[in-house]
């Protein structure tokens, strides 16, 4: 079952309340997304740790409901 961009955003915001999230449904099928997450929680963390925070926020949905998700993380300037 595909996952909506709104569901993805809700889950990430629950874990990273200050996050600014941009999601693009690249195939128009609620199953292939590019996502950019900007959060102060990423400050001082290596990129892999930043991505782990996002992966943790998505929990099991990352592997069961999403077919393709490209994640870009940023620290607010």
PDB file of N, CA and C in Angstrom:
ATOM      1  N   UNK A   1       0.842  -1.173   0.000  1.00  0.00           N
ATOM      2  CA  UNK A   1       0.000   0.000   0.000  1.00  0.00           C
ATOM      3  C   UNK A   1       0.893   1.244   0.000  1.00  0.00           C
ATOM      4  N   UNK A   2       0.752   2.108  -0.977  1.00  0.00           N
ATOM      5  CA  UNK A   2       1.568   3.324  -1.046  1.00  0.00           C
ATOM      6  C   UNK A   2       1.335   4.239   0.155  1.00  0.00           C
ATOM      7  N   UNK A   3       2.235   5.189   0.312  1.00  0.00           N
ATOM      8  CA  UNK A   3       2.181   6.112   1.439  1.00  0.00           C
ATOM      9  C   UNK A   3       2.100   7.539   0.901  1.00  0.00           C
ATOM     10  N   UNK A   4       1.200   8.332   1.433  1.00  0.00           N
ATOM     11  CA  UNK A   4       1.026   9.702   0.940  1.00  0.00           C
ATOM     12  C   UNK A   4       2.144  10.611   1.454  1.00  0.00           C
ATOM     13  N   UNK A   5       2.392  11.667   0.716  1.00  0.00           N
ATOM     14  CA  UNK A   5       3.387  12.663   1.129  1.00  0.00           C
ATOM     15  C   UNK A   5       2.998  13.274   2.468  1.00  0.00           C
ATOM     16  N   UNK A   6       1.708  13.435   2.704  1.00  0.00           N
ATOM     17  CA  UNK A   6       1.237  14.000   3.972  1.00  0.00           C
ATOM     18  C   UNK A   6       1.573  13.082   5.147  1.00  0.00           C
ATOM     19  N   UNK A   7       1.447  11.775   4.936  1.00  0.00           N
ATOM     20  CA  UNK A   7       1.797  10.821   5.992  1.00  0.00           C
ATOM     21  C   UNK A   7       3.293  10.870   6.293  1.00  0.00           C
ATOM     22  N   UNK A   8       4.098  10.939   5.244  1.00  0.00           N
ATOM     23  CA  UNK A   8       5.551  11.026   5.422  1.00  0.00           C
ATOM     24  C   UNK A   8       5.896  12.284   6.211  1.00  0.00           C
ATOM     25  N   UNK A   9       5.329  13.404   5.797  1.00  0.00           N
ATOM     26  CA  UNK A   9       5.621  14.671   6.472  1.00  0.00           C
ATOM     27  C   UNK A   9       5.184  14.626   7.932  1.00  0.00           C
ATOM     28  N   UNK A  10       4.024  14.088   8.198  1.00  0.00           N
ATOM     29  CA  UNK A  10       3.512  13.996   9.575  1.00  0.00           C
ATOM     30  C   UNK A  10       4.463  13.185  10.459  1.00  0.00           C
ATOM     31  N   UNK A  11       4.944  12.068   9.947  1.00  0.00           N
ATOM     32  CA  UNK A  11       5.833  11.204  10.730  1.00  0.00           C
ATOM     33  C   UNK A  11       7.172  11.880  11.012  1.00  0.00           C
ATOM     34  N   UNK A  12       7.718  12.534  10.007  1.00  0.00           N
ATOM     35  CA  UNK A  12       9.003  13.209  10.193  1.00  0.00           C
ATOM     36  C   UNK A  12       8.849  14.394  11.143  1.00  0.00           C
ATOM     37  N   UNK A  13       7.768  15.160  11.002  1.00  0.00           N
ATOM     38  CA  UNK A  13       7.522  16.302  11.890  1.00  0.00           C
ATOM     39  C   UNK A  13       7.317  15.854  13.335  1.00  0.00           C
ATOM     40  N   UNK A  14       6.762  14.692  13.539  1.00  0.00           N
ATOM     41  CA  UNK A  14       6.570  14.182  14.901  1.00  0.00           C
ATOM     42  C   UNK A  14       7.924  13.946  15.580  1.00  0.00           C
ATOM     43  N   UNK A  15       8.905  13.516  14.812  1.00  0.00           N
ATOM     44  CA  UNK A  15      10.232  13.243  15.360  1.00  0.00           C
ATOM     45  C   UNK A  15      11.137  14.479  15.343  1.00  0.00           C
ATOM     46  N   UNK A  16      10.932  15.337  14.350  1.00  0.00           N
ATOM     47  CA  UNK A  16      11.763  16.536  14.177  1.00  0.00           C
ATOM     48  C   UNK A  16      10.829  17.743  14.029  1.00  0.00           C
ATOM     49  N   UNK A  17      10.291  18.247  15.136  1.00  0.00           N
ATOM     50  CA  UNK A  17       9.247  19.270  15.074  1.00  0.00           C
ATOM     51  C   UNK A  17       9.625  20.547  14.319  1.00  0.00           C
ATOM     52  N   UNK A  18      10.909  20.900  14.302  1.00  0.00           N
ATOM     53  CA  UNK A  18      11.303  22.131  13.617  1.00  0.00           C
ATOM     54  C   UNK A  18      11.582  21.916  12.132  1.00  0.00           C
ATOM     55  N   UNK A  19      11.413  20.710  11.660  1.00  0.00           N
ATOM     56  CA  UNK A  19      11.778  20.377  10.279  1.00  0.00           C
ATOM     57  C   UNK A  19      10.936  21.141   9.259  1.00  0.00           C
ATOM     58  N   UNK A  20      11.634  21.584   8.232  1.00  0.00           N
ATOM     59  CA  UNK A  20      10.986  22.110   7.035  1.00  0.00           C
ATOM     60  C   UNK A  20      11.158  21.004   6.002  1.00  0.00           C
ATOM     61  N   UNK A  21      10.041  20.529   5.465  1.00  0.00           N
ATOM     62  CA  UNK A  21      10.059  19.343   4.614  1.00  0.00           C
ATOM     63  C   UNK A  21       9.484  19.669   3.245  1.00  0.00           C
ATOM     64  N   UNK A  22      10.223  19.278   2.229  1.00  0.00           N
ATOM     65  CA  UNK A  22       9.750  19.388   0.850  1.00  0.00           C
ATOM     66  C   UNK A  22       9.719  17.976   0.274  1.00  0.00           C
ATOM     67  N   UNK A  23       8.580  17.589  -0.268  1.00  0.00           N
ATOM     68  CA  UNK A  23       8.435  16.245  -0.831  1.00  0.00           C
ATOM     69  C   UNK A  23       7.919  16.353  -2.255  1.00  0.00           C
ATOM     70  N   UNK A  24       8.579  15.641  -3.145  1.00  0.00           N
ATOM     71  CA  UNK A  24       8.158  15.584  -4.549  1.00  0.00           C
ATOM     72  C   UNK A  24       7.840  14.130  -4.885  1.00  0.00           C
ATOM     73  N   UNK A  25       6.639  13.899  -5.366  1.00  0.00           N
ATOM     74  CA  UNK A  25       6.225  12.573  -5.835  1.00  0.00           C
ATOM     75  C   UNK A  25       6.720  12.457  -7.273  1.00  0.00           C
ATOM     76  N   UNK A  26       7.851  11.806  -7.463  1.00  0.00           N
ATOM     77  CA  UNK A  26       8.531  11.817  -8.757  1.00  0.00           C
ATOM     78  C   UNK A  26       7.825  11.027  -9.848  1.00  0.00           C
ATOM     79  N   UNK A  27       6.976  10.086  -9.464  1.00  0.00           N
ATOM     80  CA  UNK A  27       6.286   9.269 -10.463  1.00  0.00           C
ATOM     81  C   UNK A  27       4.775   9.487 -10.455  1.00  0.00           C
ATOM     82  N   UNK A  28       4.280  10.291  -9.520  1.00  0.00           N
ATOM     83  CA  UNK A  28       2.846  10.538  -9.432  1.00  0.00           C
ATOM     84  C   UNK A  28       2.052   9.336  -8.938  1.00  0.00           C
ATOM     85  N   UNK A  29       2.731   8.441  -8.205  1.00  0.00           N
ATOM     86  CA  UNK A  29       2.068   7.200  -7.790  1.00  0.00           C
ATOM     87  C   UNK A  29       2.069   6.967  -6.278  1.00  0.00           C
ATOM     88  N   UNK A  30       2.438   7.999  -5.489  1.00  0.00           N
ATOM     89  CA  UNK A  30       2.547   7.855  -4.032  1.00  0.00           C
ATOM     90  C   UNK A  30       3.470   6.715  -3.625  1.00  0.00           C
ATOM     91  N   UNK A  31       4.485   6.455  -4.420  1.00  0.00           N
ATOM     92  CA  UNK A  31       5.383   5.340  -4.142  1.00  0.00           C
ATOM     93  C   UNK A  31       6.844   5.662  -4.444  1.00  0.00           C
ATOM     94  N   UNK A  32       7.100   6.811  -5.082  1.00  0.00           N
ATOM     95  CA  UNK A  32       8.458   7.237  -5.437  1.00  0.00           C
ATOM     96  C   UNK A  32       8.602   8.714  -5.076  1.00  0.00           C
ATOM     97  N   UNK A  33       9.459   8.998  -4.088  1.00  0.00           N
ATOM     98  CA  UNK A  33       9.566  10.362  -3.590  1.00  0.00           C
ATOM     99  C   UNK A  33      11.016  10.834  -3.514  1.00  0.00           C
ATOM    100  N   UNK A  34      11.181  12.135  -3.687  1.00  0.00           N
ATOM    101  CA  UNK A  34      12.393  12.854  -3.311  1.00  0.00           C
ATOM    102  C   UNK A  34      11.977  13.751  -2.157  1.00  0.00           C
ATOM    103  N   UNK A  35      12.751  13.733  -1.079  1.00  0.00           N
ATOM    104  CA  UNK A  35      12.405  14.514   0.099  1.00  0.00           C
ATOM    105  C   UNK A  35      13.626  15.277   0.585  1.00  0.00           C
ATOM    106  N   UNK A  36      13.424  16.559   0.890  1.00  0.00           N
ATOM    107  CA  UNK A  36      14.460  17.375   1.515  1.00  0.00           C
ATOM    108  C   UNK A  36      13.956  17.755   2.901  1.00  0.00           C
ATOM    109  N   UNK A  37      14.783  17.484   3.905  1.00  0.00           N
ATOM    110  CA  UNK A  37      14.431  17.785   5.287  1.00  0.00           C
ATOM    111  C   UNK A  37      15.485  18.738   5.836  1.00  0.00           C
ATOM    112  N   UNK A  38      15.040  19.890   6.303  1.00  0.00           N
ATOM    113  CA  UNK A  38      15.932  20.867   6.918  1.00  0.00           C
ATOM    114  C   UNK A  38      15.568  20.965   8.392  1.00  0.00           C
ATOM    115  N   UNK A  39      16.564  20.706   9.261  1.00  0.00           N
ATOM    116  CA  UNK A  39      16.293  20.712  10.697  1.00  0.00           C
ATOM    117  C   UNK A  39      17.557  21.058  11.475  1.00  0.00           C
ATOM    118  N   UNK A  40      17.383  21.813  12.556  1.00  0.00           N
ATOM    119  CA  UNK A  40      18.513  22.126  13.433  1.00  0.00           C
ATOM    120  C   UNK A  40      19.000  20.879  14.169  1.00  0.00           C
ATOM    121  N   UNK A  41      18.196  19.831  14.220  1.00  0.00           N
ATOM    122  CA  UNK A  41      18.604  18.579  14.865  1.00  0.00           C
ATOM    123  C   UNK A  41      19.778  17.930  14.146  1.00  0.00           C
ATOM    124  N   UNK A  42      20.031  18.324  12.902  1.00  0.00           N
ATOM    125  CA  UNK A  42      21.123  17.753  12.124  1.00  0.00           C
ATOM    126  C   UNK A  42      22.469  18.415  12.410  1.00  0.00           C
ATOM    127  N   UNK A  43      22.463  19.543  13.110  1.00  0.00           N
ATOM    128  CA  UNK A  43      23.699  20.279  13.369  1.00  0.00           C
ATOM    129  C   UNK A  43      24.717  19.402  14.090  1.00  0.00           C
ATOM    130  N   UNK A  44      25.924  19.389  13.567  1.00  0.00           N
ATOM    131  CA  UNK A  44      27.011  18.634  14.184  1.00  0.00           C
ATOM    132  C   UNK A  44      27.012  17.146  13.893  1.00  0.00           C
ATOM    133  N   UNK A  45      26.012  16.664  13.168  1.00  0.00           N
ATOM    134  CA  UNK A  45      25.930  15.237  12.861  1.00  0.00           C
ATOM    135  C   UNK A  45      26.446  14.955  11.455  1.00  0.00           C
ATOM    136  N   UNK A  46      27.126  13.825  11.275  1.00  0.00           N
ATOM    137  CA  UNK A  46      27.501  13.444   9.910  1.00  0.00           C
ATOM    138  C   UNK A  46      26.244  13.087   9.113  1.00  0.00           C
ATOM    139  N   UNK A  47      26.350  13.143   7.810  1.00  0.00           N
ATOM    140  CA  UNK A  47      25.206  12.908   6.926  1.00  0.00           C
ATOM    141  C   UNK A  47      24.506  11.580   7.237  1.00  0.00           C
ATOM    142  N   UNK A  48      25.257  10.527   7.495  1.00  0.00           N
ATOM    143  CA  UNK A  48      24.630   9.220   7.764  1.00  0.00           C
ATOM    144  C   UNK A  48      23.768   9.277   9.025  1.00  0.00           C
ATOM    145  N   UNK A  49      24.204  10.001  10.044  1.00  0.00           N
ATOM    146  CA  UNK A  49      23.414  10.136  11.273  1.00  0.00           C
ATOM    147  C   UNK A  49      22.165  10.982  11.018  1.00  0.00           C
ATOM    148  N   UNK A  50      22.276  11.980  10.165  1.00  0.00           N
ATOM    149  CA  UNK A  50      21.116  12.787   9.798  1.00  0.00           C
ATOM    150  C   UNK A  50      20.066  11.915   9.121  1.00  0.00           C
ATOM    151  N   UNK A  51      20.510  11.081   8.191  1.00  0.00           N
ATOM    152  CA  UNK A  51      19.584  10.199   7.483  1.00  0.00           C
ATOM    153  C   UNK A  51      18.976   9.168   8.426  1.00  0.00           C
ATOM    154  N   UNK A  52      19.754   8.699   9.377  1.00  0.00           N
ATOM    155  CA  UNK A  52      19.214   7.737  10.349  1.00  0.00           C
ATOM    156  C   UNK A  52      18.075   8.353  11.162  1.00  0.00           C
ATOM    157  N   UNK A  53      18.196   9.639  11.502  1.00  0.00           N
ATOM    158  CA  UNK A  53      17.104  10.305  12.225  1.00  0.00           C
ATOM    159  C   UNK A  53      15.813  10.277  11.400  1.00  0.00           C
ATOM    160  N   UNK A  54      15.940  10.526  10.106  1.00  0.00           N
ATOM    161  CA  UNK A  54      14.764  10.495   9.233  1.00  0.00           C
ATOM    162  C   UNK A  54      14.239   9.066   9.099  1.00  0.00           C
ATOM    163  N   UNK A  55      15.141   8.109   8.912  1.00  0.00           N
ATOM    164  CA  UNK A  55      14.734   6.699   8.801  1.00  0.00           C
ATOM    165  C   UNK A  55      14.004   6.251  10.061  1.00  0.00           C
ATOM    166  N   UNK A  56      14.519   6.626  11.214  1.00  0.00           N
ATOM    167  CA  UNK A  56      13.882   6.258  12.483  1.00  0.00           C
ATOM    168  C   UNK A  56      12.484   6.860  12.578  1.00  0.00           C
ATOM    169  N   UNK A  57      12.344   8.098  12.130  1.00  0.00           N
ATOM    170  CA  UNK A  57      11.029   8.755  12.156  1.00  0.00           C
ATOM    171  C   UNK A  57      10.012   7.998  11.314  1.00  0.00           C
ATOM    172  N   UNK A  58      10.462   7.419  10.207  1.00  0.00           N
ATOM    173  CA  UNK A  58       9.550   6.701   9.309  1.00  0.00           C
ATOM    174  C   UNK A  58       9.310   5.258   9.747  1.00  0.00           C
ATOM    175  N   UNK A  59      10.153   4.753  10.634  1.00  0.00           N
ATOM    176  CA  UNK A  59       9.964   3.414  11.190  1.00  0.00           C
ATOM    177  C   UNK A  59       9.814   2.334  10.133  1.00  0.00           C
ATOM    178  N   UNK A  60       8.923   1.391  10.378  1.00  0.00           N
ATOM    179  CA  UNK A  60       8.699   0.258   9.480  1.00  0.00           C
ATOM    180  C   UNK A  60       8.143   0.678   8.126  1.00  0.00           C
ATOM    181  N   UNK A  61       7.514   1.839   8.069  1.00  0.00           N
ATOM    182  CA  UNK A  61       6.948   2.311   6.797  1.00  0.00           C
ATOM    183  C   UNK A  61       8.018   2.478   5.734  1.00  0.00           C
ATOM    184  N   UNK A  62       9.227   2.787   6.166  1.00  0.00           N
ATOM    185  CA  UNK A  62      10.315   2.982   5.215  1.00  0.00           C
ATOM    186  C   UNK A  62      10.543   1.730   4.378  1.00  0.00           C
ATOM    187  N   UNK A  63      10.364   0.579   4.969  1.00  0.00           N
ATOM    188  CA  UNK A  63      10.622  -0.674   4.253  1.00  0.00           C
ATOM    189  C   UNK A  63       9.360  -1.377   3.774  1.00  0.00           C
ATOM    190  N   UNK A  64       8.222  -1.042   4.372  1.00  0.00           N
ATOM    191  CA  UNK A  64       7.007  -1.772   4.006  1.00  0.00           C
ATOM    192  C   UNK A  64       6.044  -0.999   3.106  1.00  0.00           C
ATOM    193  N   UNK A  65       6.060   0.340   3.200  1.00  0.00           N
ATOM    194  CA  UNK A  65       5.072   1.116   2.444  1.00  0.00           C
ATOM    195  C   UNK A  65       5.681   2.031   1.389  1.00  0.00           C
ATOM    196  N   UNK A  66       6.989   2.209   1.433  1.00  0.00           N
ATOM    197  CA  UNK A  66       7.646   3.081   0.461  1.00  0.00           C
ATOM    198  C   UNK A  66       8.518   2.255  -0.465  1.00  0.00           C
ATOM    199  N   UNK A  67       8.337   2.454  -1.749  1.00  0.00           N
ATOM    200  CA  UNK A  67       9.156   1.729  -2.716  1.00  0.00           C
ATOM    201  C   UNK A  67      10.480   2.449  -2.937  1.00  0.00           C
ATOM    202  N   UNK A  68      10.426   3.770  -3.106  1.00  0.00           N
ATOM    203  CA  UNK A  68      11.639   4.540  -3.376  1.00  0.00           C
ATOM    204  C   UNK A  68      11.553   5.892  -2.684  1.00  0.00           C
ATOM    205  N   UNK A  69      12.565   6.203  -1.874  1.00  0.00           N
ATOM    206  CA  UNK A  69      12.628   7.476  -1.182  1.00  0.00           C
ATOM    207  C   UNK A  69      14.056   7.980  -1.209  1.00  0.00           C
ATOM    208  N   UNK A  70      14.273   9.095  -1.848  1.00  0.00           N
ATOM    209  CA  UNK A  70      15.564   9.761  -1.874  1.00  0.00           C
ATOM    210  C   UNK A  70      15.512  10.877  -0.832  1.00  0.00           C
ATOM    211  N   UNK A  71      16.480  10.894   0.079  1.00  0.00           N
ATOM    212  CA  UNK A  71      16.480  11.865   1.166  1.00  0.00           C
ATOM    213  C   UNK A  71      17.687  12.784   1.059  1.00  0.00           C
ATOM    214  N   UNK A  72      17.416  14.071   1.157  1.00  0.00           N
ATOM    215  CA  UNK A  72      18.451  15.084   1.278  1.00  0.00           C
ATOM    216  C   UNK A  72      18.229  15.790   2.602  1.00  0.00           C
ATOM    217  N   UNK A  73      19.281  15.908   3.414  1.00  0.00           N
ATOM    218  CA  UNK A  73      19.155  16.595   4.683  1.00  0.00           C
ATOM    219  C   UNK A  73      19.972  17.879   4.650  1.00  0.00           C
ATOM    220  N   UNK A  74      19.457  18.893   5.349  1.00  0.00           N
ATOM    221  CA  UNK A  74      20.139  20.187   5.413  1.00  0.00           C
ATOM    222  C   UNK A  74      20.014  20.752   6.824  1.00  0.00           C
ATOM    223  N   UNK A  75      20.980  21.605   7.154  1.00  0.00           N
ATOM    224  CA  UNK A  75      20.945  22.340   8.411  1.00  0.00           C
ATOM    225  C   UNK A  75      20.515  23.765   8.061  1.00  0.00           C
ATOM    226  N   UNK A  76      19.577  24.356   8.820  1.00  0.00           N
ATOM    227  CA  UNK A  76      19.140  25.721   8.502  1.00  0.00           C
ATOM    228  C   UNK A  76      20.317  26.700   8.558  1.00  0.00           C
ATOM    229  N   UNK A  77      20.285  27.670   7.682  1.00  0.00           N
ATOM    230  CA  UNK A  77      21.372  28.654   7.693  1.00  0.00           C
ATOM    231  C   UNK A  77      21.002  29.870   8.509  1.00  0.00           C
TER     232      UNK A  77
END
